[in-house]
Protein backbone atom coordinates (compact mmCIF):
# COMPACT_ATOMS: atom_id res chain seq x y z
CA MET A 1 40.13 23.82 -58.12
CA LYS A 2 39.86 20.22 -59.25
CA LYS A 3 43.63 19.79 -59.05
CA ILE A 4 43.58 21.10 -55.50
CA TRP A 5 40.98 18.52 -54.45
CA VAL A 6 42.91 15.73 -56.16
CA GLY A 7 46.08 16.79 -54.38
CA PHE A 8 44.24 16.98 -51.07
CA TRP A 9 42.74 13.51 -51.40
CA GLY A 10 46.09 12.12 -52.53
CA LEU A 11 47.78 13.59 -49.49
CA LEU A 12 45.05 12.25 -47.19
CA ILE A 13 45.21 8.77 -48.68
CA GLY A 14 49.02 8.78 -48.50
CA SER A 15 48.91 9.82 -44.86
CA LEU A 16 46.33 7.14 -44.11
CA LEU A 17 48.40 4.47 -45.82
CA GLY A 18 51.48 5.67 -43.94
CA ASN A 19 49.64 5.39 -40.63
CA ILE A 20 48.43 1.93 -41.52
CA TRP A 21 51.97 0.89 -42.44
CA SER A 22 53.34 2.37 -39.19
CA PHE A 23 50.68 0.55 -37.20
CA TRP A 24 51.31 -2.88 -38.74
CA ARG A 25 55.08 -2.59 -39.10
CA VAL A 26 56.01 -0.56 -36.01
CA LEU A 27 53.35 0.09 -33.40
CA ARG A 28 51.74 -3.36 -33.34
CA PRO A 29 55.11 -5.25 -33.24
CA VAL A 30 56.31 -2.92 -30.46
CA GLN A 31 53.13 -3.62 -28.48
CA ASN A 32 53.71 -7.33 -29.03
CA LEU A 33 57.32 -6.96 -27.86
CA VAL A 34 56.20 -5.06 -24.74
CA ALA A 35 53.68 -7.77 -23.90
CA ARG A 36 56.29 -10.49 -24.28
CA ALA A 37 58.75 -8.50 -22.17
CA ALA A 38 56.10 -8.41 -19.44
CA HIS A 39 55.91 -12.23 -19.58
CA LEU A 40 59.70 -12.33 -19.39
CA ALA A 41 59.63 -10.15 -16.26
CA GLN A 42 57.24 -12.69 -14.70
CA GLY A 43 59.77 -15.48 -15.26
CA ASP A 44 58.84 -16.85 -18.69
CA MET A 45 62.33 -17.07 -20.20
CA SER A 46 60.98 -18.37 -23.55
CA ALA A 47 58.65 -15.40 -24.11
CA LEU A 48 60.94 -13.75 -26.66
CA GLU A 49 61.97 -16.79 -28.66
CA GLN A 50 59.39 -16.32 -31.45
CA PRO A 51 59.58 -13.35 -33.89
CA CYS A 52 57.37 -10.33 -33.25
CA GLY A 53 57.28 -9.15 -36.87
CA GLY A 54 57.75 -5.55 -37.86
CA ILE A 55 60.77 -3.70 -39.13
CA ARG A 56 64.31 -5.05 -38.95
CA GLU A 57 65.26 -2.96 -35.90
CA ILE A 58 62.43 -4.46 -33.84
CA GLY A 59 63.55 -7.95 -34.80
CA GLU A 60 67.11 -7.16 -33.79
CA LEU A 61 65.93 -5.78 -30.45
CA ARG A 62 63.84 -8.91 -29.80
CA HIS A 63 66.80 -11.14 -30.71
CA THR A 64 69.10 -9.21 -28.36
CA MET A 65 66.60 -9.44 -25.51
CA ALA A 66 66.08 -13.15 -26.16
CA THR A 67 69.85 -13.72 -26.05
CA MET A 68 70.07 -11.84 -22.74
CA ALA A 69 67.26 -14.01 -21.37
CA GLN A 70 69.13 -17.14 -22.43
CA HIS A 71 72.27 -15.91 -20.65
CA VAL A 72 70.25 -15.22 -17.51
CA GLN A 73 68.63 -18.64 -17.72
CA ARG A 74 72.02 -20.30 -18.14
CA ALA A 75 73.50 -18.34 -15.24
CA GLN A 76 70.55 -19.35 -13.06
CA ALA A 77 70.97 -23.01 -13.98
CA GLU A 78 74.72 -22.91 -13.33
CA GLY A 79 74.19 -21.08 -10.05
CA LEU A 80 71.66 -23.70 -8.97
CA THR A 81 74.07 -26.50 -9.90
CA TYR A 82 76.85 -24.80 -7.93
CA ARG A 83 74.62 -24.31 -4.87
CA HIS A 84 73.60 -27.96 -4.99
CA ALA A 85 77.25 -28.93 -5.25
CA LEU A 86 78.06 -26.77 -2.22
CA THR A 87 75.27 -28.41 -0.23
CA ASP A 88 76.40 -31.88 -1.28
CA GLY A 89 79.99 -30.97 -0.43
CA GLN A 90 78.98 -29.78 3.03
CA GLU A 91 77.07 -33.00 3.67
CA GLU A 92 79.99 -35.09 2.43
CA GLU A 93 82.36 -33.16 4.69
CA ARG A 94 80.05 -33.66 7.68
CA ALA A 95 79.83 -37.36 6.90
CA ARG A 96 83.64 -37.57 6.65
CA ILE A 97 84.09 -35.81 10.00
CA ALA A 98 81.46 -38.05 11.59
CA ARG A 99 83.24 -41.17 10.28
CA GLU A 100 86.61 -39.97 11.51
CA LEU A 101 85.24 -39.11 14.94
CA HIS A 102 83.43 -42.44 15.21
CA ASP A 103 86.02 -44.76 13.70
CA ASP A 104 89.06 -43.07 15.16
CA THR A 105 88.46 -40.78 18.11
CA VAL A 106 85.50 -42.57 19.70
CA GLN A 107 87.07 -46.01 19.33
CA SER A 108 90.35 -44.71 20.74
CA LEU A 109 88.59 -43.20 23.74
CA VAL A 110 86.75 -46.48 24.37
CA ALA A 111 90.06 -48.36 24.26
CA ILE A 112 91.65 -45.79 26.61
CA ALA A 113 88.78 -46.15 29.08
CA GLN A 114 89.11 -49.94 29.01
CA SER A 115 92.88 -49.73 29.52
CA ILE A 116 92.43 -47.42 32.50
CA GLU A 117 89.80 -49.73 33.99
CA LEU A 118 92.02 -52.78 33.60
CA GLY A 119 94.96 -50.88 35.04
CA LEU A 120 92.97 -49.90 38.09
CA ASN A 121 91.82 -53.50 38.58
CA TRP A 122 95.44 -54.75 38.47
CA LEU A 123 96.87 -51.90 40.49
CA GLU A 124 97.14 -53.94 43.70
CA SER A 125 97.39 -57.51 42.39
CA ASP A 126 99.84 -56.86 39.53
CA PRO A 127 101.35 -53.33 39.68
CA THR A 128 103.74 -53.98 36.80
CA ARG A 129 100.94 -55.05 34.50
CA ALA A 130 98.79 -52.13 35.69
CA LYS A 131 101.59 -49.69 34.92
CA SER A 132 101.99 -51.12 31.44
CA MET A 133 98.26 -50.87 30.79
CA LEU A 134 98.13 -47.26 32.00
CA GLY A 135 101.10 -46.52 29.75
CA LEU A 136 99.11 -47.85 26.79
CA ALA A 137 96.19 -45.64 27.82
CA ARG A 138 98.48 -42.60 27.88
CA THR A 139 99.87 -43.44 24.42
CA GLY A 140 96.34 -43.83 23.09
CA ALA A 141 95.33 -40.47 24.58
CA ILE A 142 98.30 -38.74 22.90
CA GLU A 143 97.41 -40.31 19.55
CA SER A 144 93.77 -39.20 19.93
CA VAL A 145 94.88 -35.64 20.65
CA GLU A 146 97.08 -35.64 17.54
CA ASN A 147 94.25 -36.98 15.41
CA LEU A 148 91.90 -34.31 16.72
CA ARG A 149 94.48 -31.61 16.04
CA ARG A 150 94.84 -32.87 12.49
CA LEU A 151 91.07 -32.84 12.04
CA ILE A 152 90.83 -29.31 13.44
CA ALA A 153 93.67 -28.14 11.21
CA ASP A 154 91.83 -29.52 8.16
CA LEU A 155 88.72 -27.56 9.12
CA ARG A 156 90.47 -24.31 10.03
CA PRO A 157 94.18 -24.19 10.84
CA PRO A 158 94.80 -22.64 14.29
CA ALA A 159 97.94 -20.96 12.94
CA LEU A 160 95.78 -18.90 10.60
CA GLU A 161 93.93 -17.17 13.44
CA GLU A 162 96.82 -17.06 15.90
CA LEU A 163 99.73 -16.16 13.62
CA GLY A 164 98.27 -15.01 10.30
CA ILE A 165 98.34 -15.98 6.65
CA VAL A 166 102.12 -16.09 6.14
CA PRO A 167 102.90 -18.62 8.93
CA ALA A 168 99.82 -20.62 7.93
CA LEU A 169 101.05 -20.91 4.33
CA ARG A 170 104.53 -21.85 5.50
CA MET A 171 103.07 -24.57 7.73
CA LEU A 172 101.02 -25.76 4.75
CA ALA A 173 104.24 -26.09 2.76
CA GLN A 174 106.04 -27.85 5.62
CA THR A 175 103.37 -30.55 5.82
CA ASP A 176 104.27 -31.54 2.27
CA SER A 177 106.48 -34.61 2.50
CA ASP A 178 107.70 -34.29 -1.11
CA ASP A 179 109.21 -30.82 -0.60
CA LEU A 180 107.07 -29.76 -3.54
CA ILE A 181 105.93 -26.32 -2.38
CA ALA A 182 107.98 -23.11 -2.18
CA ILE A 183 106.68 -20.00 -0.39
CA ASN A 184 107.77 -16.46 -1.34
CA VAL A 185 106.62 -13.33 0.49
CA SER A 186 107.20 -9.75 -0.65
CA GLY A 187 106.09 -6.31 0.44
CA SER A 188 105.22 -5.13 3.95
CA GLU A 189 104.23 -8.40 5.57
CA ARG A 190 101.42 -7.86 8.11
CA ARG A 191 98.17 -9.24 9.43
CA ILE A 192 95.10 -8.43 7.35
CA ASP A 193 91.37 -8.92 7.89
CA ALA A 194 90.43 -12.47 8.92
CA ALA A 195 88.11 -12.91 5.91
CA TYR A 196 90.95 -12.06 3.53
CA GLU A 197 93.41 -14.36 5.30
CA LEU A 198 90.94 -17.25 5.19
CA ALA A 199 90.20 -16.64 1.49
CA LEU A 200 93.91 -16.59 0.61
CA PHE A 201 94.55 -19.78 2.58
CA ARG A 202 91.64 -21.62 0.94
CA LEU A 203 92.77 -20.42 -2.49
CA ALA A 204 96.27 -21.81 -1.84
CA GLN A 205 94.85 -25.08 -0.52
CA GLU A 206 92.56 -25.57 -3.52
CA ALA A 207 95.25 -24.62 -6.04
CA ILE A 208 97.70 -27.09 -4.50
CA ARG A 209 95.04 -29.81 -4.37
CA ASN A 210 94.12 -29.26 -8.03
CA ALA A 211 97.76 -29.32 -9.09
CA ARG A 212 98.42 -32.55 -7.20
CA GLN A 213 95.33 -34.30 -8.53
CA HIS A 214 95.44 -33.21 -12.15
CA ALA A 215 98.81 -31.70 -13.12
CA SER A 216 101.53 -34.01 -11.69
CA PRO A 217 103.91 -31.08 -11.03
CA THR A 218 107.44 -31.33 -9.68
CA ARG A 219 107.30 -27.79 -8.30
CA ILE A 220 104.59 -25.48 -6.95
CA SER A 221 105.43 -21.90 -6.00
CA LEU A 222 103.23 -19.66 -3.86
CA THR A 223 103.98 -15.94 -3.95
CA LEU A 224 102.18 -13.66 -1.49
CA ALA A 225 102.70 -9.93 -2.05
CA PHE A 226 101.56 -7.17 0.29
CA TYR A 227 100.84 -3.66 -0.97
CA SER A 228 99.29 -0.65 0.70
CA HIS A 229 95.98 -1.06 -1.13
CA GLU A 230 95.88 -4.75 -2.06
CA VAL A 231 97.29 -8.21 -1.45
CA THR A 232 98.01 -10.71 -4.22
CA LEU A 233 98.51 -14.46 -4.27
CA THR A 234 100.11 -16.24 -7.21
CA VAL A 235 100.20 -20.04 -7.37
CA LYS A 236 102.27 -21.45 -10.21
CA ASP A 237 103.03 -25.07 -11.06
CA ASN A 238 105.08 -26.75 -13.79
CA GLY A 239 102.56 -29.52 -14.37
CA VAL A 240 100.84 -30.75 -17.51
CA GLY A 241 98.51 -27.75 -17.79
CA PHE A 242 95.16 -27.83 -19.60
CA HIS A 243 93.11 -26.08 -22.28
CA PHE A 244 91.48 -23.20 -20.44
CA PRO A 245 87.91 -22.54 -21.68
CA VAL A 246 86.74 -19.15 -22.85
CA ASP A 247 84.12 -19.13 -20.09
CA LEU A 248 85.02 -20.51 -16.66
CA ASP A 249 81.36 -21.41 -16.11
CA CYS A 250 81.88 -24.36 -18.48
CA PHE A 251 83.42 -26.15 -15.50
CA THR A 252 80.04 -26.01 -13.75
CA GLN A 253 78.44 -28.06 -16.52
CA GLU A 254 81.22 -30.64 -16.12
CA ALA A 255 80.83 -30.70 -12.30
CA HIS A 256 84.35 -29.33 -11.71
CA PHE A 257 83.81 -26.80 -8.95
CA GLY A 258 87.33 -26.17 -7.61
CA LEU A 259 88.14 -23.19 -9.83
CA ILE A 260 84.54 -21.96 -9.64
CA GLY A 261 84.76 -21.93 -5.84
CA MET A 262 88.01 -20.00 -5.98
CA ARG A 263 86.45 -17.40 -8.26
CA GLU A 264 83.43 -17.03 -5.97
CA ARG A 265 85.64 -16.50 -2.91
CA VAL A 266 87.54 -13.76 -4.69
CA ARG A 267 84.38 -12.12 -6.04
CA GLN A 268 82.85 -12.07 -2.57
CA LEU A 269 85.72 -9.85 -1.46
CA LYS A 270 85.45 -7.69 -4.62
CA GLY A 271 88.73 -9.05 -5.95
CA ASN A 272 89.89 -10.41 -9.28
CA LEU A 273 91.02 -13.93 -10.24
CA THR A 274 92.92 -14.78 -13.42
CA ILE A 275 93.94 -18.24 -14.58
CA ASP A 276 96.52 -18.95 -17.26
CA SER A 277 97.20 -22.50 -18.38
CA THR A 278 98.73 -24.09 -21.46
CA PRO A 279 99.09 -27.84 -22.09
CA GLY A 280 102.63 -28.87 -21.27
CA LYS A 281 103.52 -25.51 -19.72
CA GLY A 282 101.81 -25.58 -16.34
CA THR A 283 99.19 -23.37 -14.72
CA THR A 284 99.31 -19.98 -13.02
CA ILE A 285 96.53 -18.73 -10.75
CA HIS A 286 96.68 -15.07 -9.72
CA ALA A 287 94.31 -13.52 -7.18
CA VAL A 288 94.12 -9.83 -6.28
CA LEU A 289 92.19 -8.75 -3.20
CA PRO A 290 91.70 -5.01 -2.60
CA LEU A 291 92.40 -3.72 0.91
CA ASP A 292 91.05 -0.65 2.62
CA VAL A 293 93.82 1.92 2.81
CA MET A 294 94.49 2.44 6.51
CA ASP A 295 96.75 4.61 8.59
CA GLN A 296 100.13 2.93 9.17
CA PRO A 297 102.92 3.82 11.61
CA THR A 298 105.94 5.52 10.11
CA ASP A 299 108.20 4.47 13.01
CA ASP A 300 108.50 1.42 15.24
CA VAL A 301 105.61 1.28 17.73
CA ARG A 302 104.40 -1.09 20.44
CA ASP A 303 101.10 -2.90 20.49
CA PRO A 304 99.34 -1.54 23.63
CA VAL A 305 97.88 -4.97 24.44
CA CYS A 306 100.69 -7.50 24.00
CA GLY A 307 103.64 -5.14 23.70
CA ALA A 308 104.77 -6.60 20.37
CA LEU A 309 107.06 -4.41 18.30
CA ILE A 310 105.37 -3.25 15.09
CA HIS A 311 107.64 -2.05 12.31
CA PRO A 312 106.68 0.82 9.98
CA HIS A 313 103.77 0.09 7.62
CA ARG A 314 103.22 -3.38 9.11
CA ALA A 315 100.33 -2.87 11.54
CA TYR A 316 97.25 -5.04 11.28
CA GLY A 317 94.97 -2.17 12.23
CA SER A 318 94.66 0.99 14.28
CA THR A 319 92.19 2.69 16.61
CA VAL A 320 91.95 6.26 17.86
CA TYR A 321 91.20 6.55 21.58
CA GLU A 322 90.98 9.91 23.37
CA GLY A 323 92.75 11.65 20.52
CA GLU A 324 95.67 9.21 20.28
CA ARG A 325 96.11 6.52 17.63
CA TYR A 326 97.08 3.01 18.73
CA TYR A 327 98.40 0.30 16.39
CA PHE A 328 97.93 -3.45 16.71
CA CYS A 329 99.77 -6.54 15.52
CA CYS A 330 96.70 -8.77 15.09
CA PRO A 331 92.88 -8.79 15.30
CA VAL A 332 92.94 -10.36 18.77
CA CYS A 333 94.85 -7.43 20.26
CA GLN A 334 92.73 -4.87 18.45
CA GLY A 335 89.52 -6.53 19.65
CA ALA A 336 90.78 -6.68 23.24
CA PHE A 337 91.74 -3.00 23.15
CA GLN A 338 88.39 -1.94 21.71
CA GLN A 339 86.58 -3.75 24.53
CA HIS A 340 88.77 -2.49 27.40
CA ALA A 341 90.67 0.50 26.01
CA GLU A 342 90.79 2.31 29.36
CA THR A 343 92.49 -0.66 31.01
CA TYR A 344 95.32 -0.87 28.47
CA VAL A 345 95.77 2.89 28.37
CA ALA A 346 96.06 2.90 32.18
CA LEU A 347 98.59 0.07 32.04
CA LYS A 348 100.61 2.05 29.52
CA ILE A 349 100.60 5.13 31.75
CA THR A 350 101.58 3.04 34.77
CA SER A 351 104.43 1.37 32.90
CA VAL A 352 105.74 4.74 31.75
CA GLN A 353 105.71 6.06 35.32
């Protein structure tokens, strides 16, 4: 009987000691970790920096959570820096436009107005001089128009909206006086969504600007490839190249936002951007933008709005109206049809008759 009681008390004491050990080594550290996690959820990113005690697994969990918090904190800081840079860039761009309009356009218009006024004053007394002055006013007006067109093209090239990404890229290459840029297009060339065309154009612009400023290339090639489900843009130069960091966000800390901006544009459209660069071997930037798979014509068809011939698999978009599918060459025609479909359908019927 005595042995039974000894065994019982031994078991009870062992269980009690085990519970005490579990409380101090497991339960209490876990409660501490939960409390610190609550502080972390409230925005205290340093809540998990100090050890919580307990068994090794709890320490490893705390360390992992602390590392995640540091990554979040770093991402927040880099995002804030990037947003500030965007705001500063917008203000700088507004200031540049204001200076150009004031120093160039406004002054030119003032000079034109003065020339016209002088010409009118001399119209009867000195017609030859008046004609010369009005000629100067006309020349000044033409120069002002050209300057405004250049300014507009810098902000958003008209060719991009009117003709699409391929002509816009070709015009971008043609403006290069050094004959530095080569454009290659493959696949079923067609108009795509305006947001995608703008993103591709800005990517090409930024890549060319970066290459010119930092790489000193003798050749830059732009390759635009159309596929049924995606469009890709590859910009390759033979410049000096650079050591590409493991994490692209390092450029944010160094206030280099060109590549960061390109990545954000691509991410916004759920695409993928890869950059490959080696010192002395140039740089290659490759962007992939996914496209919604849409119905495409299998034969030549006519745009119901403008009458343009659309070759197989090259329509910008399509719309079904009264059971019939219509294909369009560009967003302008599709938008016009969607607003006044009955008018264009009637015109089609009339033309057939």
